[in-house]
Amino acid sequence: MSEWLTTGEMIDQLKDGETAKSTDGEYEAYWHHGLLKFIDKRGDVQERIIKSDQERRWQIIPKFVKFEEALKAYQDGKTIVLHLGDKKYKYSKSLVEEPFILHIFVNGYWTIED
C-alpha cells in the first residue's frame, strides 16, 4: 500500500479506476466522469470538499489487474508493476532480465502505469 496522503496530495495522485480510503474509514474517494466523489459509510455521495476534509489523510488503493492483462500491457510497451506485500517491482524492458517464479507472477497483484 501507499503512504498516507493529505487531501490535496490524494487529489493530485488519484487516477481513474483507483479508490482512496480515509484513515478513519469514514470515506472513500474516486473520480467519476471528471468529478471527484466522496462516499461515506452510509453510502451517501458528496461532490465537494469541506473544511474538515483538509485534516483527513488518505491512502490510494491501486486498480489491480490480472497477470494476463499486465503482460499484454507490457507487450504494448507499458511499464507494469508487481506488488508483493510492501514491495513493488517495476518491469519495463524484459521480464527475463529479472529472476522470477512463475506462480508469483501469475498470482501477483499488478498495476499498469501510463
N, C-alpha and C. Protein backbone atom coordinates (compact mmCIF):
# COMPACT_ATOMS: atom_id res chain seq x y z
N MET A 1 0.83 -1.18 0.00
CA MET A 1 0.00 0.00 0.00
C MET A 1 0.88 1.25 0.00
N SER A 2 0.25 2.35 -0.26
CA SER A 2 0.98 3.62 -0.31
C SER A 2 0.95 4.31 1.04
N GLU A 3 1.72 5.40 1.14
CA GLU A 3 1.75 6.17 2.39
C GLU A 3 0.48 6.99 2.52
N TRP A 4 0.27 7.55 3.71
CA TRP A 4 -0.90 8.38 3.96
C TRP A 4 -0.66 9.76 3.35
N LEU A 5 -1.65 10.24 2.61
CA LEU A 5 -1.55 11.49 1.87
C LEU A 5 -2.52 12.53 2.42
N THR A 6 -2.16 13.80 2.24
CA THR A 6 -3.11 14.86 2.55
C THR A 6 -4.22 14.82 1.50
N THR A 7 -5.29 15.56 1.73
CA THR A 7 -6.38 15.60 0.75
C THR A 7 -5.88 16.14 -0.58
N GLY A 8 -5.07 17.18 -0.56
CA GLY A 8 -4.53 17.75 -1.79
C GLY A 8 -3.64 16.77 -2.53
N GLU A 9 -2.77 16.07 -1.80
CA GLU A 9 -1.90 15.07 -2.43
C GLU A 9 -2.72 13.94 -3.04
N MET A 10 -3.75 13.52 -2.32
CA MET A 10 -4.61 12.45 -2.82
C MET A 10 -5.27 12.88 -4.13
N ILE A 11 -5.78 14.10 -4.19
CA ILE A 11 -6.44 14.59 -5.40
C ILE A 11 -5.44 14.61 -6.56
N ASP A 12 -4.21 15.05 -6.29
CA ASP A 12 -3.19 15.12 -7.34
C ASP A 12 -2.78 13.74 -7.85
N GLN A 13 -2.78 12.73 -6.98
CA GLN A 13 -2.23 11.43 -7.32
C GLN A 13 -3.27 10.37 -7.71
N LEU A 14 -4.52 10.58 -7.34
CA LEU A 14 -5.56 9.58 -7.60
C LEU A 14 -5.83 9.48 -9.10
N LYS A 15 -5.80 8.25 -9.63
CA LYS A 15 -6.03 8.01 -11.05
C LYS A 15 -7.41 7.39 -11.25
N ASP A 16 -7.90 7.50 -12.49
CA ASP A 16 -9.16 6.84 -12.82
C ASP A 16 -9.04 5.36 -12.51
N GLY A 17 -10.09 4.79 -11.93
CA GLY A 17 -10.10 3.38 -11.61
C GLY A 17 -9.56 3.06 -10.22
N GLU A 18 -8.93 4.04 -9.58
CA GLU A 18 -8.41 3.83 -8.22
C GLU A 18 -9.39 4.42 -7.21
N THR A 19 -9.26 3.96 -5.99
CA THR A 19 -10.05 4.45 -4.88
C THR A 19 -9.10 4.89 -3.78
N ALA A 20 -9.45 5.96 -3.08
CA ALA A 20 -8.69 6.38 -1.91
C ALA A 20 -9.57 6.16 -0.67
N LYS A 21 -8.96 5.66 0.39
CA LYS A 21 -9.69 5.45 1.65
C LYS A 21 -9.12 6.38 2.71
N SER A 22 -10.01 6.95 3.52
CA SER A 22 -9.56 7.85 4.59
C SER A 22 -9.05 7.04 5.78
N THR A 23 -8.15 7.64 6.56
CA THR A 23 -7.56 6.96 7.71
C THR A 23 -8.62 6.53 8.71
N ASP A 24 -9.67 7.32 8.84
CA ASP A 24 -10.70 7.00 9.82
C ASP A 24 -11.73 6.00 9.29
N GLY A 25 -11.59 5.62 8.02
CA GLY A 25 -12.50 4.65 7.44
C GLY A 25 -13.88 5.20 7.13
N GLU A 26 -14.06 6.49 7.30
CA GLU A 26 -15.37 7.11 7.08
C GLU A 26 -15.69 7.34 5.61
N TYR A 27 -14.65 7.57 4.80
CA TYR A 27 -14.88 7.96 3.41
C TYR A 27 -14.01 7.20 2.43
N GLU A 28 -14.51 7.08 1.21
CA GLU A 28 -13.74 6.66 0.07
C GLU A 28 -13.91 7.74 -0.98
N ALA A 29 -12.87 7.94 -1.80
CA ALA A 29 -12.92 8.94 -2.86
C ALA A 29 -12.53 8.29 -4.17
N TYR A 30 -13.13 8.77 -5.26
CA TYR A 30 -12.82 8.24 -6.59
C TYR A 30 -13.25 9.27 -7.64
N TRP A 31 -12.66 9.16 -8.82
CA TRP A 31 -13.05 10.01 -9.95
C TRP A 31 -14.19 9.34 -10.70
N HIS A 32 -15.20 10.15 -11.06
CA HIS A 32 -16.33 9.66 -11.85
C HIS A 32 -16.70 10.72 -12.87
N HIS A 33 -16.41 10.44 -14.13
CA HIS A 33 -16.69 11.39 -15.22
C HIS A 33 -16.09 12.76 -14.95
N GLY A 34 -14.84 12.76 -14.45
CA GLY A 34 -14.14 14.01 -14.23
C GLY A 34 -14.46 14.72 -12.93
N LEU A 35 -15.35 14.17 -12.12
CA LEU A 35 -15.68 14.76 -10.83
C LEU A 35 -15.15 13.87 -9.71
N LEU A 36 -14.57 14.49 -8.69
CA LEU A 36 -14.12 13.74 -7.52
C LEU A 36 -15.32 13.52 -6.62
N LYS A 37 -15.59 12.27 -6.33
CA LYS A 37 -16.74 11.92 -5.49
C LYS A 37 -16.23 11.33 -4.18
N PHE A 38 -16.94 11.67 -3.11
CA PHE A 38 -16.68 11.12 -1.79
C PHE A 38 -17.91 10.34 -1.36
N ILE A 39 -17.71 9.11 -0.91
CA ILE A 39 -18.83 8.30 -0.43
C ILE A 39 -18.55 7.92 1.02
N ASP A 40 -19.56 8.13 1.88
CA ASP A 40 -19.36 7.80 3.29
C ASP A 40 -19.82 6.38 3.57
N LYS A 41 -19.68 5.96 4.83
CA LYS A 41 -20.01 4.58 5.22
C LYS A 41 -21.48 4.24 4.98
N ARG A 42 -22.34 5.25 5.00
CA ARG A 42 -23.78 5.02 4.79
C ARG A 42 -24.12 4.94 3.30
N GLY A 43 -23.15 5.28 2.44
CA GLY A 43 -23.40 5.25 1.00
C GLY A 43 -23.78 6.59 0.42
N ASP A 44 -23.80 7.63 1.26
CA ASP A 44 -24.11 8.98 0.77
C ASP A 44 -22.92 9.53 0.00
N VAL A 45 -23.20 10.16 -1.14
CA VAL A 45 -22.16 10.69 -2.01
C VAL A 45 -22.17 12.21 -1.96
N GLN A 46 -20.98 12.79 -1.88
CA GLN A 46 -20.85 14.24 -1.97
C GLN A 46 -19.78 14.56 -3.02
N GLU A 47 -19.93 15.72 -3.65
CA GLU A 47 -19.01 16.12 -4.71
C GLU A 47 -18.29 17.41 -4.34
N ARG A 48 -18.16 17.67 -3.08
CA ARG A 48 -17.48 18.89 -2.66
C ARG A 48 -16.55 18.57 -1.50
N ILE A 49 -15.59 19.42 -1.30
CA ILE A 49 -14.67 19.28 -0.18
C ILE A 49 -15.06 20.32 0.86
N ILE A 50 -15.19 19.89 2.10
CA ILE A 50 -15.49 20.82 3.18
C ILE A 50 -14.25 20.98 4.06
N LYS A 51 -14.26 21.99 4.90
CA LYS A 51 -13.09 22.34 5.70
C LYS A 51 -12.53 21.13 6.47
N SER A 52 -13.39 20.32 7.05
CA SER A 52 -12.90 19.18 7.84
C SER A 52 -12.17 18.15 6.98
N ASP A 53 -12.44 18.13 5.67
CA ASP A 53 -11.74 17.20 4.77
C ASP A 53 -10.26 17.53 4.67
N GLN A 54 -9.90 18.79 4.92
CA GLN A 54 -8.50 19.19 4.84
C GLN A 54 -7.63 18.47 5.86
N GLU A 55 -8.22 18.03 6.95
CA GLU A 55 -7.47 17.36 8.01
C GLU A 55 -7.36 15.85 7.77
N ARG A 56 -8.15 15.31 6.88
CA ARG A 56 -8.13 13.87 6.62
C ARG A 56 -6.84 13.45 5.94
N ARG A 57 -6.46 12.21 6.15
CA ARG A 57 -5.36 11.60 5.43
C ARG A 57 -5.95 10.44 4.63
N TRP A 58 -5.31 10.15 3.50
CA TRP A 58 -5.85 9.19 2.55
C TRP A 58 -4.79 8.20 2.11
N GLN A 59 -5.24 7.03 1.74
CA GLN A 59 -4.37 6.03 1.16
C GLN A 59 -5.01 5.57 -0.14
N ILE A 60 -4.23 5.61 -1.22
CA ILE A 60 -4.75 5.21 -2.52
C ILE A 60 -4.63 3.70 -2.68
N ILE A 61 -5.74 3.09 -3.08
CA ILE A 61 -5.79 1.66 -3.33
C ILE A 61 -5.68 1.49 -4.85
N PRO A 62 -4.59 0.90 -5.34
CA PRO A 62 -4.42 0.78 -6.80
C PRO A 62 -5.49 -0.09 -7.45
N LYS A 63 -5.67 0.11 -8.73
CA LYS A 63 -6.54 -0.76 -9.52
C LYS A 63 -5.70 -1.94 -9.98
N PHE A 64 -5.88 -3.09 -9.33
CA PHE A 64 -5.10 -4.28 -9.66
C PHE A 64 -5.69 -4.96 -10.89
N VAL A 65 -4.82 -5.55 -11.69
CA VAL A 65 -5.24 -6.30 -12.88
C VAL A 65 -4.63 -7.70 -12.81
N LYS A 66 -5.16 -8.62 -13.60
CA LYS A 66 -4.62 -9.97 -13.65
C LYS A 66 -3.32 -9.98 -14.45
N PHE A 67 -2.54 -11.02 -14.24
CA PHE A 67 -1.25 -11.14 -14.92
C PHE A 67 -1.39 -11.04 -16.44
N GLU A 68 -2.41 -11.67 -16.98
CA GLU A 68 -2.59 -11.67 -18.43
C GLU A 68 -2.74 -10.24 -18.96
N GLU A 69 -3.50 -9.41 -18.26
CA GLU A 69 -3.69 -8.02 -18.68
C GLU A 69 -2.39 -7.23 -18.52
N ALA A 70 -1.67 -7.50 -17.43
CA ALA A 70 -0.38 -6.83 -17.22
C ALA A 70 0.61 -7.24 -18.31
N LEU A 71 0.63 -8.50 -18.66
CA LEU A 71 1.54 -8.98 -19.70
C LEU A 71 1.22 -8.34 -21.05
N LYS A 72 -0.06 -8.21 -21.38
CA LYS A 72 -0.45 -7.57 -22.63
C LYS A 72 0.01 -6.11 -22.64
N ALA A 73 -0.21 -5.41 -21.52
CA ALA A 73 0.23 -4.01 -21.44
C ALA A 73 1.74 -3.91 -21.57
N TYR A 74 2.45 -4.84 -20.97
CA TYR A 74 3.92 -4.90 -21.08
C TYR A 74 4.33 -5.08 -22.54
N GLN A 75 3.66 -5.99 -23.24
CA GLN A 75 3.96 -6.24 -24.64
C GLN A 75 3.63 -5.02 -25.51
N ASP A 76 2.69 -4.18 -25.04
CA ASP A 76 2.34 -2.95 -25.74
C ASP A 76 3.27 -1.79 -25.38
N GLY A 77 4.32 -2.08 -24.58
CA GLY A 77 5.31 -1.06 -24.25
C GLY A 77 5.08 -0.30 -22.96
N LYS A 78 4.08 -0.68 -22.17
CA LYS A 78 3.82 0.00 -20.91
C LYS A 78 4.66 -0.60 -19.79
N THR A 79 4.86 0.19 -18.75
CA THR A 79 5.53 -0.29 -17.55
C THR A 79 4.50 -0.98 -16.68
N ILE A 80 4.85 -2.15 -16.17
CA ILE A 80 3.96 -2.86 -15.26
C ILE A 80 4.65 -2.99 -13.90
N VAL A 81 3.85 -3.11 -12.86
CA VAL A 81 4.37 -3.16 -11.50
C VAL A 81 3.77 -4.35 -10.77
N LEU A 82 4.65 -5.17 -10.19
CA LEU A 82 4.23 -6.30 -9.37
C LEU A 82 4.25 -5.84 -7.92
N HIS A 83 3.13 -6.00 -7.22
CA HIS A 83 3.01 -5.61 -5.81
C HIS A 83 3.06 -6.87 -4.95
N LEU A 84 4.10 -6.98 -4.14
CA LEU A 84 4.24 -8.11 -3.21
C LEU A 84 4.44 -7.55 -1.81
N GLY A 85 3.40 -7.61 -1.01
CA GLY A 85 3.48 -7.01 0.33
C GLY A 85 3.72 -5.52 0.21
N ASP A 86 4.75 -5.03 0.89
CA ASP A 86 5.09 -3.61 0.83
C ASP A 86 6.08 -3.29 -0.28
N LYS A 87 6.47 -4.30 -1.06
CA LYS A 87 7.46 -4.09 -2.11
C LYS A 87 6.80 -3.99 -3.48
N LYS A 88 7.44 -3.22 -4.37
CA LYS A 88 6.97 -3.07 -5.74
C LYS A 88 8.14 -3.36 -6.67
N TYR A 89 7.86 -4.10 -7.73
CA TYR A 89 8.87 -4.43 -8.73
C TYR A 89 8.36 -3.96 -10.09
N LYS A 90 9.07 -2.99 -10.68
CA LYS A 90 8.67 -2.44 -11.97
C LYS A 90 9.39 -3.17 -13.10
N TYR A 91 8.64 -3.42 -14.17
CA TYR A 91 9.19 -4.07 -15.34
C TYR A 91 8.83 -3.23 -16.56
N SER A 92 9.86 -2.81 -17.30
CA SER A 92 9.58 -2.03 -18.49
C SER A 92 10.44 -2.47 -19.67
N LYS A 93 11.38 -3.40 -19.46
CA LYS A 93 12.24 -3.84 -20.56
C LYS A 93 12.00 -5.30 -20.86
N SER A 94 12.48 -6.18 -20.02
CA SER A 94 12.34 -7.60 -20.30
C SER A 94 12.14 -8.38 -19.02
N LEU A 95 11.07 -9.14 -18.98
CA LEU A 95 10.80 -9.97 -17.80
C LEU A 95 11.90 -10.99 -17.58
N VAL A 96 12.55 -11.43 -18.64
CA VAL A 96 13.58 -12.45 -18.48
C VAL A 96 14.87 -11.88 -17.89
N GLU A 97 15.00 -10.56 -17.80
CA GLU A 97 16.18 -9.96 -17.19
C GLU A 97 16.14 -10.08 -15.66
N GLU A 98 14.99 -10.34 -15.12
CA GLU A 98 14.81 -10.41 -13.68
C GLU A 98 14.54 -11.85 -13.27
N PRO A 99 15.14 -12.30 -12.16
CA PRO A 99 14.79 -13.64 -11.68
C PRO A 99 13.34 -13.64 -11.17
N PHE A 100 12.60 -14.68 -11.47
CA PHE A 100 11.23 -14.74 -11.00
C PHE A 100 10.74 -16.17 -10.89
N ILE A 101 9.66 -16.32 -10.15
CA ILE A 101 8.98 -17.60 -10.01
C ILE A 101 7.63 -17.43 -10.69
N LEU A 102 7.32 -18.28 -11.66
CA LEU A 102 6.14 -18.10 -12.48
C LEU A 102 4.85 -17.94 -11.68
N HIS A 103 4.64 -18.76 -10.64
CA HIS A 103 3.37 -18.67 -9.91
C HIS A 103 3.22 -17.34 -9.20
N ILE A 104 4.32 -16.72 -8.80
CA ILE A 104 4.24 -15.39 -8.18
C ILE A 104 3.77 -14.38 -9.22
N PHE A 105 4.30 -14.49 -10.44
CA PHE A 105 3.89 -13.57 -11.49
C PHE A 105 2.42 -13.75 -11.83
N VAL A 106 2.00 -14.98 -11.98
CA VAL A 106 0.62 -15.23 -12.40
C VAL A 106 -0.37 -14.83 -11.31
N ASN A 107 -0.03 -15.06 -10.05
CA ASN A 107 -0.96 -14.80 -8.95
C ASN A 107 -0.68 -13.49 -8.21
N GLY A 108 0.27 -12.70 -8.69
CA GLY A 108 0.61 -11.45 -8.02
C GLY A 108 -0.41 -10.36 -8.27
N TYR A 109 -0.24 -9.24 -7.60
CA TYR A 109 -1.10 -8.07 -7.76
C TYR A 109 -0.38 -7.09 -8.67
N TRP A 110 -0.96 -6.81 -9.82
CA TRP A 110 -0.33 -6.00 -10.85
C TRP A 110 -1.07 -4.69 -11.08
N THR A 111 -0.34 -3.66 -11.44
CA THR A 111 -0.92 -2.41 -11.92
C THR A 111 -0.19 -2.03 -13.20
N ILE A 112 -0.81 -1.12 -13.97
CA ILE A 112 -0.23 -0.65 -15.23
C ILE A 112 -0.01 0.85 -15.11
N GLU A 113 1.19 1.30 -15.47
CA GLU A 113 1.48 2.72 -15.46
C GLU A 113 1.42 3.24 -16.88
N ASP A 114 0.86 4.41 -17.04
CA ASP A 114 0.78 5.02 -18.38
C ASP A 114 2.08 5.67 -18.75
